[in-house]
Amino acid sequence: MSHARRLDGAGTREQVVLISARVTSFTAVCVECADIDQAEGYAGATFAGRLELDLRHGTFLCRRGHSVRVERVPADTDVAAA
């Protein structure tokens, strides 16, 4: 599950991707890139990453250098509901 929220009037967004407690590898969509690549859809806006099980969160950069925070939800939380 992914969230993006606008932080200021300059168009800066905080992007947060939530992953399940036992997931280590993920593919996510960068919302900033998706906005740029509207004609191409999400194909050009996806990126892959890996968050080791001993880490609760990390910050990743998409192909264009946009910052995306990845957070691991607790094992007893449904990612879709978080």
C-alpha atoms as a PDB file:
ATOM      1  CA  MET A   1       0.000   0.000   0.000  1.00  0.00           C
ATOM      2  CA  SER A   2       1.310   3.430  -0.879  1.00  0.00           C
ATOM      3  CA  HIS A   3       0.511   6.905   0.407  1.00  0.00           C
ATOM      4  CA  ALA A   4       1.644  10.270  -0.899  1.00  0.00           C
ATOM      5  CA  ARG A   5       0.794  13.567   0.707  1.00  0.00           C
ATOM      6  CA  ARG A   6       1.642  17.104  -0.225  1.00  0.00           C
ATOM      7  CA  LEU A   7       3.921  18.791   2.315  1.00  0.00           C
ATOM      8  CA  ASP A   8       4.143  22.319   0.953  1.00  0.00           C
ATOM      9  CA  GLY A   9       2.949  24.580  -1.826  1.00  0.00           C
ATOM     10  CA  ALA A  10       6.067  23.852  -3.878  1.00  0.00           C
ATOM     11  CA  GLY A  11       4.728  20.438  -4.833  1.00  0.00           C
ATOM     12  CA  THR A  12       6.983  18.446  -2.517  1.00  0.00           C
ATOM     13  CA  ARG A  13       5.396  15.173  -1.423  1.00  0.00           C
ATOM     14  CA  GLU A  14       6.174  12.672   1.246  1.00  0.00           C
ATOM     15  CA  GLN A  15       5.749   9.213  -0.220  1.00  0.00           C
ATOM     16  CA  VAL A  16       5.243   6.276   2.135  1.00  0.00           C
ATOM     17  CA  VAL A  17       4.933   2.637   1.092  1.00  0.00           C
ATOM     18  CA  LEU A  18       3.697   0.139   3.686  1.00  0.00           C
ATOM     19  CA  ILE A  19       4.827  -3.476   3.462  1.00  0.00           C
ATOM     20  CA  SER A  20       3.872  -6.560   5.468  1.00  0.00           C
ATOM     21  CA  ALA A  21       5.925  -7.666   8.450  1.00  0.00           C
ATOM     22  CA  ARG A  22       7.564 -10.625   6.654  1.00  0.00           C
ATOM     23  CA  VAL A  23       8.129  -9.014   3.226  1.00  0.00           C
ATOM     24  CA  THR A  24      11.720  -8.253   2.249  1.00  0.00           C
ATOM     25  CA  SER A  25      11.448  -7.453  -1.481  1.00  0.00           C
ATOM     26  CA  PHE A  26       8.906  -5.106  -2.970  1.00  0.00           C
ATOM     27  CA  THR A  27       7.963  -3.209  -6.111  1.00  0.00           C
ATOM     28  CA  ALA A  28       6.344   0.181  -5.679  1.00  0.00           C
ATOM     29  CA  VAL A  29       5.122   3.107  -7.752  1.00  0.00           C
ATOM     30  CA  CYS A  30       6.698   6.538  -7.357  1.00  0.00           C
ATOM     31  CA  VAL A  31       3.781   8.984  -7.418  1.00  0.00           C
ATOM     32  CA  GLU A  32       6.019  11.832  -8.600  1.00  0.00           C
ATOM     33  CA  CYS A  33       7.159   9.787 -11.603  1.00  0.00           C
ATOM     34  CA  ALA A  34       3.617   8.594 -12.291  1.00  0.00           C
ATOM     35  CA  ASP A  35       2.523  12.233 -12.511  1.00  0.00           C
ATOM     36  CA  ILE A  36       5.334  12.936 -14.989  1.00  0.00           C
ATOM     37  CA  ASP A  37       4.676   9.788 -17.032  1.00  0.00           C
ATOM     38  CA  GLN A  38       0.898   9.983 -17.251  1.00  0.00           C
ATOM     39  CA  ALA A  39       0.985   8.907 -20.905  1.00  0.00           C
ATOM     40  CA  GLU A  40       3.010   5.774 -20.087  1.00  0.00           C
ATOM     41  CA  GLY A  41       1.063   4.764 -16.988  1.00  0.00           C
ATOM     42  CA  TYR A  42       2.754   3.125 -14.036  1.00  0.00           C
ATOM     43  CA  ALA A  43       5.260   1.080 -16.073  1.00  0.00           C
ATOM     44  CA  GLY A  44       7.857   3.855 -16.098  1.00  0.00           C
ATOM     45  CA  ALA A  45       7.195   4.843 -12.496  1.00  0.00           C
ATOM     46  CA  THR A  46       7.870   1.538 -10.720  1.00  0.00           C
ATOM     47  CA  PHE A  47      10.990   0.676  -8.777  1.00  0.00           C
ATOM     48  CA  ALA A  48      12.078  -2.329  -6.749  1.00  0.00           C
ATOM     49  CA  GLY A  49      13.714  -2.468  -3.351  1.00  0.00           C
ATOM     50  CA  ARG A  50      14.647  -4.701  -0.468  1.00  0.00           C
ATOM     51  CA  LEU A  51      14.152  -4.047   3.236  1.00  0.00           C
ATOM     52  CA  GLU A  52      15.831  -6.612   5.458  1.00  0.00           C
ATOM     53  CA  LEU A  53      13.682  -8.186   8.181  1.00  0.00           C
ATOM     54  CA  ASP A  54      15.668  -6.570  11.002  1.00  0.00           C
ATOM     55  CA  LEU A  55      14.770  -3.069   9.723  1.00  0.00           C
ATOM     56  CA  ARG A  56      11.411  -1.407  10.438  1.00  0.00           C
ATOM     57  CA  HIS A  57      11.772   1.311   7.817  1.00  0.00           C
ATOM     58  CA  GLY A  58      14.073   2.702   5.175  1.00  0.00           C
ATOM     59  CA  THR A  59      14.282   5.429   2.561  1.00  0.00           C
ATOM     60  CA  PHE A  60      14.707   4.516  -1.085  1.00  0.00           C
ATOM     61  CA  LEU A  61      15.196   6.546  -4.235  1.00  0.00           C
ATOM     62  CA  CYS A  62      13.284   5.844  -7.422  1.00  0.00           C
ATOM     63  CA  ARG A  63      15.034   5.920 -10.807  1.00  0.00           C
ATOM     64  CA  ARG A  64      14.670   9.696 -11.018  1.00  0.00           C
ATOM     65  CA  GLY A  65      15.867  10.275  -7.454  1.00  0.00           C
ATOM     66  CA  HIS A  66      12.538  10.898  -5.701  1.00  0.00           C
ATOM     67  CA  SER A  67      12.603   9.852  -2.052  1.00  0.00           C
ATOM     68  CA  VAL A  68      10.199   7.098  -0.980  1.00  0.00           C
ATOM     69  CA  ARG A  69       9.951   5.944   2.634  1.00  0.00           C
ATOM     70  CA  VAL A  70       9.159   2.255   3.155  1.00  0.00           C
ATOM     71  CA  GLU A  71       7.689   1.183   6.488  1.00  0.00           C
ATOM     72  CA  ARG A  72       7.055  -2.306   7.791  1.00  0.00           C
ATOM     73  CA  VAL A  73       3.693  -2.708   9.536  1.00  0.00           C
ATOM     74  CA  PRO A  74       3.434  -4.860  12.683  1.00  0.00           C
ATOM     75  CA  ALA A  75       2.689  -8.546  12.088  1.00  0.00           C
ATOM     76  CA  ASP A  76      -0.812  -8.266  13.585  1.00  0.00           C
ATOM     77  CA  THR A  77      -1.815  -5.361  11.279  1.00  0.00           C
ATOM     78  CA  ASP A  78      -3.474  -5.821   7.901  1.00  0.00           C
ATOM     79  CA  VAL A  79      -1.484  -3.785   5.341  1.00  0.00           C
ATOM     80  CA  ALA A  80      -4.641  -2.961   3.361  1.00  0.00           C
ATOM     81  CA  ALA A  81      -6.274  -1.502   6.479  1.00  0.00           C
ATOM     82  CA  ALA A  82      -3.181   0.440   7.623  1.00  0.00           C
END
